[in-house]
N, C-alpha and C. Protein backbone atom coordinates (compact mmCIF):
# COMPACT_ATOMS: atom_id res chain seq x y z
N UNK A 1 12.99 9.32 30.35
CA UNK A 1 12.07 10.39 29.66
C UNK A 1 11.32 10.09 28.50
N UNK A 2 10.08 10.67 28.71
CA UNK A 2 9.30 10.00 27.23
C UNK A 2 9.23 11.21 26.72
N UNK A 3 9.61 11.02 25.21
CA UNK A 3 9.14 12.31 24.26
C UNK A 3 8.00 11.98 23.44
N UNK A 4 7.23 12.89 22.82
CA UNK A 4 6.27 12.90 22.56
C UNK A 4 6.57 12.58 20.91
N UNK A 5 5.80 11.58 20.38
CA UNK A 5 5.86 11.11 18.96
C UNK A 5 5.09 12.07 18.11
N UNK A 6 5.83 12.93 16.92
CA UNK A 6 4.77 13.88 16.12
C UNK A 6 3.98 13.15 15.22
N UNK A 7 2.45 13.22 15.51
CA UNK A 7 1.62 12.90 14.65
C UNK A 7 1.33 14.16 13.52
N UNK A 8 0.49 13.47 12.43
CA UNK A 8 -0.03 14.22 11.68
C UNK A 8 0.78 15.06 10.68
N UNK A 9 2.08 14.49 10.60
CA UNK A 9 3.60 14.94 10.08
C UNK A 9 3.03 15.36 8.52
N UNK A 10 1.87 15.02 8.07
CA UNK A 10 1.57 15.05 6.42
C UNK A 10 0.81 16.61 6.20
N UNK A 11 0.51 16.82 7.38
CA UNK A 11 -0.56 18.10 7.38
C UNK A 11 0.22 19.51 7.17
N UNK A 12 0.22 20.53 6.26
CA UNK A 12 1.25 21.12 6.21
C UNK A 12 0.75 22.39 7.23
N UNK A 13 1.51 23.45 8.00
CA UNK A 13 1.02 24.08 8.64
C UNK A 13 0.42 25.53 8.12
N UNK A 14 -0.59 25.88 8.69
CA UNK A 14 -1.37 27.37 8.44
C UNK A 14 -0.57 28.34 8.94
N UNK A 15 -0.20 29.24 7.83
CA UNK A 15 0.67 30.29 7.66
C UNK A 15 -0.27 31.61 8.16
N UNK A 16 -1.37 31.86 6.99
CA UNK A 16 -2.16 33.09 6.95
C UNK A 16 -3.21 32.29 7.10
N UNK A 17 -3.91 32.79 8.34
CA UNK A 17 -5.48 32.40 8.48
C UNK A 17 -5.52 30.73 8.23
N UNK A 18 -6.44 30.83 7.41
CA UNK A 18 -6.45 28.95 7.14
C UNK A 18 -5.54 28.62 6.09
N UNK A 19 -4.80 29.39 5.33
CA UNK A 19 -4.05 28.72 4.20
C UNK A 19 -2.57 28.61 4.75
N UNK A 20 -2.26 27.69 3.96
CA UNK A 20 -0.81 27.24 3.91
C UNK A 20 0.15 27.99 3.45
N UNK A 21 1.40 28.26 3.41
CA UNK A 21 2.54 28.85 2.99
C UNK A 21 2.32 28.92 1.27
N UNK A 22 1.92 27.52 0.84
CA UNK A 22 1.78 27.62 -0.62
C UNK A 22 0.71 28.05 -1.27
N UNK A 23 -0.36 27.63 -0.76
CA UNK A 23 -1.54 28.37 -0.94
C UNK A 23 -1.68 29.69 -0.89
N UNK A 24 -0.97 30.57 0.34
CA UNK A 24 -0.66 32.09 0.26
C UNK A 24 0.21 32.26 -0.83
N UNK A 25 1.36 31.87 -1.21
CA UNK A 25 2.19 32.34 -2.26
C UNK A 25 1.61 32.17 -3.57
N UNK A 26 0.39 31.33 -4.12
CA UNK A 26 0.04 30.87 -5.21
C UNK A 26 -1.19 32.32 -5.22
N UNK A 27 -1.99 32.30 -4.02
CA UNK A 27 -3.04 33.21 -4.14
C UNK A 27 -2.26 34.78 -4.31
N UNK A 28 -1.22 34.78 -3.83
CA UNK A 28 -0.65 36.49 -4.05
C UNK A 28 0.11 36.61 -5.45
N UNK A 29 0.63 35.39 -6.04
CA UNK A 29 1.12 35.33 -7.12
C UNK A 29 -0.18 35.77 -8.24
N UNK A 30 -1.07 35.19 -8.16
CA UNK A 30 -2.45 35.47 -8.86
C UNK A 30 -3.13 36.99 -8.66
N UNK A 31 -2.93 37.11 -7.41
CA UNK A 31 -3.59 38.73 -7.44
C UNK A 31 -2.60 39.75 -7.83
N UNK A 32 -1.22 39.44 -7.74
CA UNK A 32 -0.19 40.35 -8.30
C UNK A 32 -0.38 40.22 -9.67
N UNK A 33 -0.55 39.14 -10.49
CA UNK A 33 -0.68 39.01 -11.73
C UNK A 33 -1.75 40.15 -12.49
N UNK A 34 -2.97 39.63 -11.54
CA UNK A 34 -4.14 40.88 -11.63
C UNK A 34 -4.18 42.35 -11.28
N UNK A 35 -3.26 42.58 -10.36
CA UNK A 35 -2.71 43.97 -10.25
C UNK A 35 -1.98 44.47 -11.29
N UNK A 36 -1.26 43.71 -11.88
CA UNK A 36 -0.10 44.46 -13.28
C UNK A 36 -0.99 44.73 -14.31
N UNK A 37 -2.00 43.55 -14.49
CA UNK A 37 -2.61 43.71 -15.94
C UNK A 37 -4.12 44.74 -15.61
N UNK A 38 -4.27 44.84 -14.65
CA UNK A 38 -5.12 45.97 -14.29
C UNK A 38 -4.48 47.39 -14.18
N UNK A 39 -3.16 47.30 -14.17
CA UNK A 39 -2.60 48.80 -13.95
C UNK A 39 -2.11 49.04 -15.63
N UNK A 40 -2.02 47.96 -16.31
CA UNK A 40 -1.00 48.22 -17.72
C UNK A 40 -1.88 48.04 -18.74
N UNK A 41 -3.06 47.34 -18.71
CA UNK A 41 -3.77 47.14 -19.72
C UNK A 41 -5.29 47.57 -19.63
N UNK A 42 -6.03 47.68 -20.72
CA UNK A 42 -7.36 48.33 -20.60
C UNK A 42 -8.28 47.19 -19.82
N UNK A 43 -9.70 47.65 -19.55
CA UNK A 43 -10.35 46.90 -18.72
C UNK A 43 -10.99 45.72 -19.31
N UNK A 44 -11.25 45.55 -20.75
CA UNK A 44 -11.70 44.38 -21.63
C UNK A 44 -10.68 43.45 -21.52
N UNK A 45 -9.32 43.75 -21.44
CA UNK A 45 -8.46 42.82 -21.41
C UNK A 45 -8.12 42.25 -19.71
N UNK A 46 -8.54 43.24 -18.86
CA UNK A 46 -8.50 42.76 -17.37
C UNK A 46 -9.54 41.92 -17.06
N UNK A 47 -10.55 41.80 -17.53
CA UNK A 47 -11.91 41.00 -17.56
C UNK A 47 -11.57 39.80 -18.25
N UNK A 48 -10.87 39.80 -19.22
CA UNK A 48 -10.46 38.41 -20.07
C UNK A 48 -9.44 37.74 -19.13
N UNK A 49 -8.73 38.30 -19.02
CA UNK A 49 -7.72 37.80 -17.79
C UNK A 49 -8.07 37.19 -16.61
N UNK A 50 -9.05 38.09 -15.89
CA UNK A 50 -10.03 37.52 -14.71
C UNK A 50 -10.39 36.38 -15.15
N UNK A 51 -11.01 36.13 -16.05
CA UNK A 51 -11.29 34.62 -16.27
C UNK A 51 -10.98 33.52 -16.66
N UNK A 52 -9.60 33.87 -16.91
CA UNK A 52 -8.46 32.77 -16.98
C UNK A 52 -7.42 32.51 -15.94
N UNK A 53 -6.95 33.94 -15.03
CA UNK A 53 -6.37 33.84 -13.97
C UNK A 53 -7.03 33.22 -12.80
N UNK A 54 -8.04 33.76 -12.52
CA UNK A 54 -8.47 33.11 -11.02
C UNK A 54 -8.96 31.95 -11.10
N UNK A 55 -9.37 31.21 -12.29
CA UNK A 55 -9.57 29.79 -12.08
C UNK A 55 -7.98 28.99 -11.72
N UNK A 56 -7.12 29.60 -12.53
CA UNK A 56 -5.62 28.73 -12.44
C UNK A 56 -5.43 28.97 -11.21
N UNK A 57 -5.31 30.08 -10.88
CA UNK A 57 -4.85 30.72 -9.30
C UNK A 57 -5.38 29.47 -8.21
N UNK A 58 -6.90 29.45 -8.46
CA UNK A 58 -7.53 28.23 -7.38
C UNK A 58 -7.09 27.10 -7.27
N UNK A 59 -7.20 26.62 -8.87
CA UNK A 59 -6.94 25.32 -8.89
C UNK A 59 -5.32 25.24 -8.25
N UNK A 60 -4.22 25.89 -8.67
CA UNK A 60 -2.73 25.75 -7.77
C UNK A 60 -3.12 25.56 -6.43
N UNK A 61 -3.81 26.41 -5.57
CA UNK A 61 -3.93 26.97 -4.35
C UNK A 61 -4.55 25.55 -3.60
N UNK A 62 -5.83 25.25 -4.35
CA UNK A 62 -6.92 24.64 -3.42
C UNK A 62 -6.65 22.86 -4.18
N UNK A 63 -6.71 22.76 -5.46
CA UNK A 63 -6.99 21.52 -6.00
C UNK A 63 -6.15 20.35 -5.48
N UNK A 64 -6.00 19.14 -5.23
CA UNK A 64 -5.34 18.60 -4.92
C UNK A 64 -5.82 16.91 -5.70
N UNK A 65 -5.26 16.66 -6.73
CA UNK A 65 -5.47 15.53 -7.56
C UNK A 65 -4.53 14.26 -6.93
N UNK A 66 -5.28 13.27 -6.40
CA UNK A 66 -4.53 12.09 -6.20
C UNK A 66 -3.68 12.34 -4.69
N UNK A 67 -4.07 13.35 -4.10
CA UNK A 67 -3.26 13.93 -2.76
C UNK A 67 -2.15 14.61 -2.92
N UNK A 68 -1.92 14.95 -4.29
CA UNK A 68 -0.49 15.95 -4.49
C UNK A 68 -1.03 17.23 -5.18
N UNK A 69 -0.25 18.31 -4.43
CA UNK A 69 -0.82 19.50 -5.05
C UNK A 69 -0.48 19.64 -6.82
N UNK A 70 -1.22 20.54 -7.54
CA UNK A 70 -0.90 20.36 -8.66
C UNK A 70 0.09 20.94 -9.37
N UNK A 71 0.81 21.71 -8.48
CA UNK A 71 2.15 21.90 -8.76
C UNK A 71 3.06 20.69 -8.80
N UNK A 72 3.27 20.02 -7.74
CA UNK A 72 3.81 18.83 -7.90
C UNK A 72 3.43 17.76 -9.01
N UNK A 73 2.10 17.71 -9.11
CA UNK A 73 1.58 16.70 -10.42
C UNK A 73 2.20 17.47 -11.76
N UNK A 74 2.03 18.06 -11.98
CA UNK A 74 2.70 18.73 -13.19
C UNK A 74 4.18 18.61 -13.19
N UNK A 75 5.00 18.67 -12.28
CA UNK A 75 6.51 18.68 -12.18
C UNK A 75 6.33 17.20 -12.43
N UNK A 76 5.74 16.35 -11.72
CA UNK A 76 5.90 14.65 -12.04
C UNK A 76 5.77 14.59 -13.42
N UNK A 77 4.64 14.96 -13.94
CA UNK A 77 4.23 14.84 -15.50
C UNK A 77 5.36 15.16 -16.27
N UNK A 78 5.98 16.65 -16.15
CA UNK A 78 7.12 16.95 -17.27
C UNK A 78 8.18 15.97 -16.97
N UNK A 79 8.65 15.47 -15.71
CA UNK A 79 9.72 14.45 -15.26
C UNK A 79 9.77 13.21 -16.21
N UNK A 80 8.23 12.81 -15.96
CA UNK A 80 7.91 11.43 -16.62
C UNK A 80 7.85 11.28 -18.07
N UNK A 81 7.00 12.38 -19.02
CA UNK A 81 7.38 12.31 -20.19
C UNK A 81 8.76 13.17 -20.73
N UNK A 82 9.59 13.68 -20.00
CA UNK A 82 10.85 14.28 -20.34
C UNK A 82 11.98 12.90 -20.33
N UNK A 83 11.84 11.64 -19.41
CA UNK A 83 12.79 10.83 -19.18
C UNK A 83 12.69 9.91 -20.52
N UNK A 84 13.47 9.11 -20.44
CA UNK A 84 13.28 7.61 -21.64
C UNK A 84 12.46 6.53 -20.64
N UNK A 85 11.95 5.89 -21.89
CA UNK A 85 10.99 4.83 -21.20
C UNK A 85 11.25 3.14 -21.94
N UNK A 86 12.37 3.26 -22.25
CA UNK A 86 13.03 1.87 -22.78
C UNK A 86 13.16 0.69 -21.43
N UNK A 87 12.30 0.25 -21.37
CA UNK A 87 12.61 -0.55 -20.69
C UNK A 87 12.83 -2.19 -21.05
N UNK A 88 13.91 -3.01 -20.84
CA UNK A 88 14.68 -3.92 -21.30
C UNK A 88 14.89 -4.89 -20.68
N UNK A 89 14.01 -6.51 -20.39
CA UNK A 89 14.38 -7.23 -19.70
C UNK A 89 15.13 -8.15 -20.17
N UNK A 90 16.05 -8.28 -19.36
CA UNK A 90 17.07 -9.45 -19.84
C UNK A 90 17.66 -10.67 -18.66
N UNK A 91 17.28 -11.79 -19.15
CA UNK A 91 17.46 -12.82 -18.37
C UNK A 91 19.10 -12.77 -18.02
N UNK A 92 19.16 -12.87 -16.39
CA UNK A 92 20.32 -13.14 -15.66
C UNK A 92 20.73 -14.55 -16.04
N UNK A 93 22.12 -14.74 -16.03
CA UNK A 93 22.29 -16.21 -15.63
C UNK A 93 21.84 -17.14 -14.54
N UNK A 94 21.26 -17.93 -14.78
CA UNK A 94 20.45 -18.64 -13.85
C UNK A 94 21.28 -19.12 -12.43
N UNK A 95 22.40 -19.47 -13.04
CA UNK A 95 23.52 -20.16 -12.05
C UNK A 95 23.95 -19.31 -11.18
N UNK A 96 23.80 -17.83 -11.44
CA UNK A 96 24.71 -16.60 -10.28
C UNK A 96 23.25 -16.34 -9.68
N UNK A 97 22.35 -16.69 -9.93
CA UNK A 97 21.01 -16.31 -8.74
C UNK A 97 20.50 -17.13 -7.74
N UNK A 98 20.93 -18.58 -8.09
CA UNK A 98 20.66 -19.55 -7.20
C UNK A 98 22.06 -20.16 -6.68
N UNK A 99 22.19 -20.63 -5.33
CA UNK A 99 22.99 -21.10 -4.66
C UNK A 99 23.11 -22.41 -4.44
N UNK A 100 23.53 -23.68 -5.01
CA UNK A 100 23.23 -25.02 -4.48
C UNK A 100 23.74 -24.93 -2.82
N UNK A 101 23.07 -25.49 -2.06
CA UNK A 101 23.56 -26.15 -0.86
C UNK A 101 23.47 -27.69 -0.47
N UNK A 102 24.63 -28.31 0.05
CA UNK A 102 23.97 -29.64 0.04
C UNK A 102 24.44 -29.96 1.59
N UNK A 103 23.38 -30.52 2.03
CA UNK A 103 23.09 -30.82 3.63
C UNK A 103 24.06 -32.26 3.68
N UNK A 104 24.35 -32.01 5.14
CA UNK A 104 25.19 -33.44 5.63
C UNK A 104 24.35 -34.31 5.73
N UNK A 105 24.73 -35.63 5.46
CA UNK A 105 24.17 -36.41 5.45
C UNK A 105 23.92 -37.26 6.65
N UNK A 106 22.68 -37.77 7.34
CA UNK A 106 22.64 -38.25 8.64
C UNK A 106 23.02 -39.64 8.58
N UNK A 107 23.28 -40.24 9.39
CA UNK A 107 24.00 -41.75 9.42
C UNK A 107 22.46 -42.54 9.37
N UNK A 108 22.81 -43.61 8.08
CA UNK A 108 22.31 -44.33 7.55
C UNK A 108 20.80 -45.12 8.49
N UNK A 109 21.19 -44.87 9.63
CA UNK A 109 19.87 -45.73 10.82
C UNK A 109 18.81 -44.59 10.69
N UNK A 110 19.58 -43.14 10.57
CA UNK A 110 18.20 -42.46 10.85
C UNK A 110 17.27 -41.74 9.68
N UNK A 111 18.39 -42.14 8.68
CA UNK A 111 17.45 -41.81 7.12
C UNK A 111 16.80 -42.42 6.54
N UNK A 112 15.57 -42.15 6.67
CA UNK A 112 14.39 -43.39 5.63
C UNK A 112 14.07 -43.02 4.61
N UNK A 113 14.05 -43.88 3.81
CA UNK A 113 14.00 -43.29 2.09
C UNK A 113 12.52 -43.10 2.19
N UNK A 114 12.38 -42.08 1.66
CA UNK A 114 10.39 -41.74 1.27
C UNK A 114 10.34 -41.74 -0.33
N UNK A 115 9.91 -42.85 -0.53
CA UNK A 115 9.46 -43.16 -1.86
C UNK A 115 8.22 -42.73 -2.06
N UNK A 116 7.73 -42.51 -3.38
CA UNK A 116 6.34 -42.25 -3.68
C UNK A 116 5.71 -43.11 -4.71
N UNK A 117 5.07 -44.25 -4.39
CA UNK A 117 4.60 -45.03 -5.41
C UNK A 117 4.00 -44.61 -6.41
N UNK A 118 3.34 -45.54 -7.49
CA UNK A 118 2.64 -45.30 -8.76
C UNK A 118 1.25 -45.19 -7.67
N UNK A 119 0.89 -46.25 -7.36
CA UNK A 119 -0.55 -46.48 -6.29
C UNK A 119 -0.58 -45.64 -5.62
N UNK A 120 0.15 -44.81 -4.57
CA UNK A 120 -0.15 -43.66 -3.85
C UNK A 120 -0.46 -42.57 -4.60
N UNK A 121 0.19 -42.41 -5.98
CA UNK A 121 0.01 -41.18 -6.80
C UNK A 121 -1.55 -41.32 -7.16
N UNK A 122 -1.93 -42.51 -7.86
CA UNK A 122 -3.32 -42.71 -8.37
C UNK A 122 -4.05 -42.56 -7.33
N UNK A 123 -3.92 -42.94 -6.05
CA UNK A 123 -4.75 -42.67 -4.77
C UNK A 123 -5.30 -41.22 -4.51
N UNK A 124 -4.18 -40.52 -4.63
CA UNK A 124 -3.85 -39.08 -4.45
C UNK A 124 -4.99 -38.54 -5.65
N UNK A 125 -4.60 -38.57 -6.71
CA UNK A 125 -5.25 -37.74 -8.00
C UNK A 125 -6.74 -38.16 -7.63
N UNK A 126 -7.10 -39.80 -7.36
CA UNK A 126 -8.50 -40.01 -7.26
C UNK A 126 -9.24 -39.23 -6.38
N UNK A 127 -8.35 -38.83 -5.27
CA UNK A 127 -9.05 -38.12 -3.88
C UNK A 127 -9.44 -36.56 -4.45
N UNK A 128 -8.50 -36.21 -4.85
CA UNK A 128 -8.17 -34.66 -5.60
C UNK A 128 -9.59 -34.64 -7.12
N UNK A 129 -9.83 -35.80 -7.87
CA UNK A 129 -10.88 -35.94 -9.05
C UNK A 129 -11.95 -35.72 -8.15
N UNK A 130 -12.34 -36.73 -7.22
CA UNK A 130 -13.62 -36.94 -6.93
C UNK A 130 -13.66 -35.79 -5.44
N UNK A 131 -13.24 -35.11 -4.74
CA UNK A 131 -13.87 -34.30 -4.08
C UNK A 131 -13.72 -32.95 -4.27
N UNK A 132 -13.81 -32.68 -5.42
CA UNK A 132 -13.89 -31.24 -5.79
C UNK A 132 -15.52 -30.86 -5.89
N UNK A 133 -15.68 -29.86 -5.65
CA UNK A 133 -16.95 -29.17 -5.69
C UNK A 133 -17.35 -28.64 -7.23
N UNK A 134 -16.79 -28.96 -8.07
CA UNK A 134 -16.93 -28.90 -9.35
C UNK A 134 -17.71 -30.11 -10.22
N UNK A 135 -18.93 -29.92 -10.54
CA UNK A 135 -19.45 -31.30 -11.13
C UNK A 135 -19.09 -31.72 -12.57
N UNK A 136 -18.14 -30.88 -13.27
CA UNK A 136 -17.41 -31.50 -14.58
C UNK A 136 -16.27 -32.55 -14.13
N UNK A 137 -16.72 -33.71 -14.72
CA UNK A 137 -15.62 -34.58 -14.57
C UNK A 137 -14.11 -34.56 -15.36
N UNK A 138 -13.05 -34.93 -14.81
CA UNK A 138 -11.68 -34.41 -15.25
C UNK A 138 -11.92 -35.36 -16.59
N UNK A 139 -11.28 -34.69 -17.46
CA UNK A 139 -11.20 -35.00 -19.04
C UNK A 139 -9.58 -34.39 -19.53
N UNK A 140 -9.14 -35.19 -19.58
CA UNK A 140 -7.97 -35.21 -20.40
C UNK A 140 -7.43 -36.06 -21.06
N UNK A 141 -6.75 -36.28 -22.16
CA UNK A 141 -5.88 -37.04 -22.76
C UNK A 141 -5.30 -38.20 -22.11
N UNK A 142 -4.27 -37.61 -20.99
CA UNK A 142 -3.43 -38.38 -20.10
C UNK A 142 -3.34 -38.11 -18.85
N UNK A 143 -3.37 -39.09 -17.91
CA UNK A 143 -3.59 -38.11 -16.81
C UNK A 143 -2.53 -38.18 -16.08
N UNK A 144 -1.76 -37.24 -15.42
CA UNK A 144 -0.64 -36.72 -14.96
C UNK A 144 0.51 -37.74 -14.05
N UNK A 145 -0.46 -38.45 -13.36
CA UNK A 145 0.17 -39.69 -12.73
C UNK A 145 0.66 -40.96 -13.63
N UNK A 146 -0.11 -40.93 -14.64
CA UNK A 146 0.44 -41.88 -15.52
C UNK A 146 2.02 -41.71 -16.51
N UNK A 147 2.08 -40.47 -16.76
CA UNK A 147 3.31 -39.83 -17.33
C UNK A 147 4.54 -39.97 -16.67
N UNK A 148 4.22 -40.54 -14.99
CA UNK A 148 5.53 -40.57 -14.22
C UNK A 148 6.28 -41.95 -14.29
N UNK A 149 7.59 -42.08 -14.15
CA UNK A 149 8.21 -42.95 -14.30
C UNK A 149 7.87 -43.63 -15.28
N UNK A 150 7.99 -43.80 -16.88
CA UNK A 150 7.68 -44.80 -17.61
C UNK A 150 8.88 -45.23 -18.33
């Protein structure tokens, strides 16, 4: 049997017309406040309230900064600023981080000693110095390969 894999799981369902449940709730709350203010206060106070409540209601219902709703944005903001922010880094004991593993030695006939000679290091350094695309010559007080095996 084959089952359909849900797609678009991050899209909220439309409940009332083109509005989601959250949007409908915010619009109803804003409208409810305006109805209460209209019925209990004067017309001048109602007009001032409309100037403030309508944009805030529309902001909460429709605006999504950085892809999240304003209510979730404010909840994250409050949570962030109400929590402690002291981050202290402490170095752990390096012995507990790394585990030393010893490999079994092969027979002496199979093991070839790989040694890097001073001339090989100089040759590699010369190749690196001369094959760069930068035209500035290498200027150092001491070459790194000369500090090896003194």
